[in-house]
Amino acid sequence: MKKLLFLVYLVSGMNLSHAENCQTDAIGNIYCAPPNGTAIKDTLGEIVCAPGQCVNKIQGGHLCSNQQGGSVVIDQLSQIKCYGTCIEPTHRICQKM
């Protein structure tokens, strides 16, 4: 019984973490980022995705890590540093659900 409860908990947790990487557009379509990636709305309201984390640029828009699950930080000089290479998120990385 304990194994069954753990399995239900594990599957529920996977669904929850997957949902955190998804966004809904203005007409109700759901788009998701790759596992451990980011799905966000761009300045025009389009859903864009990246394989890693993203941060807001001061000038507008976003920069993201090109590595799956890769992190992004802003250093003391307000420069964005990405694990791997910094990229802008794009709609073609998203998967429509």
C-alpha atoms as a PDB file:
ATOM      1  CA  MET A   1       0.000   0.000   0.000  1.00  0.00           C
ATOM      2  CA  LYS A   2       2.841   2.407   0.844  1.00  0.00           C
ATOM      3  CA  LYS A   3       4.436   1.776  -2.558  1.00  0.00           C
ATOM      4  CA  LEU A   4       1.135   2.573  -4.298  1.00  0.00           C
ATOM      5  CA  LEU A   5       0.728   5.831  -2.371  1.00  0.00           C
ATOM      6  CA  PHE A   6       4.316   6.810  -3.160  1.00  0.00           C
ATOM      7  CA  LEU A   7       3.727   6.103  -6.852  1.00  0.00           C
ATOM      8  CA  VAL A   8       0.565   8.255  -6.872  1.00  0.00           C
ATOM      9  CA  TYR A   9       2.481  11.036  -5.104  1.00  0.00           C
ATOM     10  CA  LEU A  10       5.372  10.745  -7.554  1.00  0.00           C
ATOM     11  CA  VAL A  11       3.103  10.907 -10.607  1.00  0.00           C
ATOM     12  CA  SER A  12       1.179  13.853  -9.121  1.00  0.00           C
ATOM     13  CA  GLY A  13       4.455  15.673  -8.480  1.00  0.00           C
ATOM     14  CA  MET A  14       5.593  15.107 -12.051  1.00  0.00           C
ATOM     15  CA  ASN A  15       2.353  16.531 -13.398  1.00  0.00           C
ATOM     16  CA  LEU A  16       2.644  19.546 -11.134  1.00  0.00           C
ATOM     17  CA  SER A  17       6.235  20.313 -12.143  1.00  0.00           C
ATOM     18  CA  HIS A  18       5.297  19.886 -15.801  1.00  0.00           C
ATOM     19  CA  ALA A  19       2.424  22.359 -15.349  1.00  0.00           C
ATOM     20  CA  GLU A  20       4.835  24.964 -13.987  1.00  0.00           C
ATOM     21  CA  ASN A  21       6.606  24.933 -17.368  1.00  0.00           C
ATOM     22  CA  CYS A  22       3.425  25.724 -19.312  1.00  0.00           C
ATOM     23  CA  GLN A  23       1.535  28.877 -20.236  1.00  0.00           C
ATOM     24  CA  THR A  24      -1.865  29.541 -21.784  1.00  0.00           C
ATOM     25  CA  ASP A  25      -2.186  32.023 -24.644  1.00  0.00           C
ATOM     26  CA  ALA A  26      -5.003  34.537 -25.196  1.00  0.00           C
ATOM     27  CA  ILE A  27      -7.245  32.007 -26.959  1.00  0.00           C
ATOM     28  CA  GLY A  28      -6.724  29.181 -24.477  1.00  0.00           C
ATOM     29  CA  ASN A  29      -3.993  27.146 -26.206  1.00  0.00           C
ATOM     30  CA  ILE A  30      -1.497  25.628 -23.782  1.00  0.00           C
ATOM     31  CA  TYR A  31       2.199  25.605 -24.671  1.00  0.00           C
ATOM     32  CA  CYS A  32       4.881  23.899 -22.596  1.00  0.00           C
ATOM     33  CA  ALA A  33       8.651  24.231 -22.406  1.00  0.00           C
ATOM     34  CA  PRO A  34      11.002  21.246 -22.547  1.00  0.00           C
ATOM     35  CA  PRO A  35      11.551  19.467 -19.195  1.00  0.00           C
ATOM     36  CA  ASN A  36      13.212  21.854 -16.700  1.00  0.00           C
ATOM     37  CA  GLY A  37      12.753  24.710 -19.174  1.00  0.00           C
ATOM     38  CA  THR A  38      10.769  27.930 -19.106  1.00  0.00           C
ATOM     39  CA  ALA A  39       7.583  28.993 -20.856  1.00  0.00           C
ATOM     40  CA  ILE A  40       6.792  32.720 -20.694  1.00  0.00           C
ATOM     41  CA  LYS A  41       4.799  35.358 -22.537  1.00  0.00           C
ATOM     42  CA  ASP A  42       6.796  37.784 -24.645  1.00  0.00           C
ATOM     43  CA  THR A  43       6.018  41.499 -24.976  1.00  0.00           C
ATOM     44  CA  LEU A  44       3.363  40.726 -27.632  1.00  0.00           C
ATOM     45  CA  GLY A  45       1.677  38.081 -25.463  1.00  0.00           C
ATOM     46  CA  GLU A  46       2.982  35.126 -27.513  1.00  0.00           C
ATOM     47  CA  ILE A  47       4.153  32.091 -25.543  1.00  0.00           C
ATOM     48  CA  VAL A  48       7.890  31.534 -26.003  1.00  0.00           C
ATOM     49  CA  CYS A  49      10.059  28.817 -24.476  1.00  0.00           C
ATOM     50  CA  ALA A  50      13.651  28.016 -23.620  1.00  0.00           C
ATOM     51  CA  PRO A  51      15.437  24.859 -22.452  1.00  0.00           C
ATOM     52  CA  GLY A  52      16.674  26.549 -19.248  1.00  0.00           C
ATOM     53  CA  GLN A  53      15.804  29.365 -16.870  1.00  0.00           C
ATOM     54  CA  CYS A  54      15.108  32.901 -18.102  1.00  0.00           C
ATOM     55  CA  VAL A  55      15.438  36.413 -16.693  1.00  0.00           C
ATOM     56  CA  ASN A  56      13.977  39.747 -17.744  1.00  0.00           C
ATOM     57  CA  LYS A  57      16.327  42.083 -19.583  1.00  0.00           C
ATOM     58  CA  ILE A  58      16.365  45.711 -18.448  1.00  0.00           C
ATOM     59  CA  GLN A  59      15.710  46.779 -22.049  1.00  0.00           C
ATOM     60  CA  GLY A  60      12.694  44.420 -22.250  1.00  0.00           C
ATOM     61  CA  GLY A  61      12.429  40.832 -23.381  1.00  0.00           C
ATOM     62  CA  HIS A  62      14.153  37.840 -21.847  1.00  0.00           C
ATOM     63  CA  LEU A  63      17.457  35.969 -21.944  1.00  0.00           C
ATOM     64  CA  CYS A  64      17.618  32.272 -21.167  1.00  0.00           C
ATOM     65  CA  SER A  65      20.084  29.430 -20.812  1.00  0.00           C
ATOM     66  CA  ASN A  66      20.367  27.228 -23.893  1.00  0.00           C
ATOM     67  CA  GLN A  67      21.033  24.194 -21.660  1.00  0.00           C
ATOM     68  CA  GLN A  68      18.205  21.969 -20.426  1.00  0.00           C
ATOM     69  CA  GLY A  69      17.578  23.065 -16.845  1.00  0.00           C
ATOM     70  CA  GLY A  70      20.426  25.591 -17.120  1.00  0.00           C
ATOM     71  CA  SER A  71      20.464  28.529 -14.745  1.00  0.00           C
ATOM     72  CA  VAL A  72      20.721  32.258 -15.354  1.00  0.00           C
ATOM     73  CA  VAL A  73      21.998  34.907 -12.932  1.00  0.00           C
ATOM     74  CA  ILE A  74      22.409  38.660 -12.962  1.00  0.00           C
ATOM     75  CA  ASP A  75      25.818  39.652 -11.590  1.00  0.00           C
ATOM     76  CA  GLN A  76      26.760  42.705  -9.504  1.00  0.00           C
ATOM     77  CA  LEU A  77      27.257  44.768 -12.685  1.00  0.00           C
ATOM     78  CA  SER A  78      23.705  43.858 -13.860  1.00  0.00           C
ATOM     79  CA  GLN A  79      25.092  41.627 -16.592  1.00  0.00           C
ATOM     80  CA  ILE A  80      23.207  38.430 -17.385  1.00  0.00           C
ATOM     81  CA  LYS A  81      25.254  35.237 -17.159  1.00  0.00           C
ATOM     82  CA  CYS A  82      23.853  31.951 -18.471  1.00  0.00           C
ATOM     83  CA  TYR A  83      24.928  28.360 -17.981  1.00  0.00           C
ATOM     84  CA  GLY A  84      25.966  27.454 -21.517  1.00  0.00           C
ATOM     85  CA  THR A  85      25.013  30.282 -23.849  1.00  0.00           C
ATOM     86  CA  CYS A  86      22.382  32.988 -23.409  1.00  0.00           C
ATOM     87  CA  ILE A  87      19.579  32.835 -25.973  1.00  0.00           C
ATOM     88  CA  GLU A  88      16.260  34.560 -26.465  1.00  0.00           C
ATOM     89  CA  PRO A  89      13.278  32.279 -25.944  1.00  0.00           C
ATOM     90  CA  THR A  90      11.375  31.280 -29.069  1.00  0.00           C
ATOM     91  CA  HIS A  91       7.945  29.901 -29.905  1.00  0.00           C
ATOM     92  CA  ARG A  92       9.349  26.998 -31.931  1.00  0.00           C
ATOM     93  CA  ILE A  93      10.870  25.412 -28.799  1.00  0.00           C
ATOM     94  CA  CYS A  94       7.385  25.231 -27.204  1.00  0.00           C
ATOM     95  CA  GLN A  95       5.207  22.156 -27.481  1.00  0.00           C
ATOM     96  CA  LYS A  96       1.472  22.669 -27.921  1.00  0.00           C
ATOM     97  CA  MET A  97      -0.580  20.529 -25.545  1.00  0.00           C
END
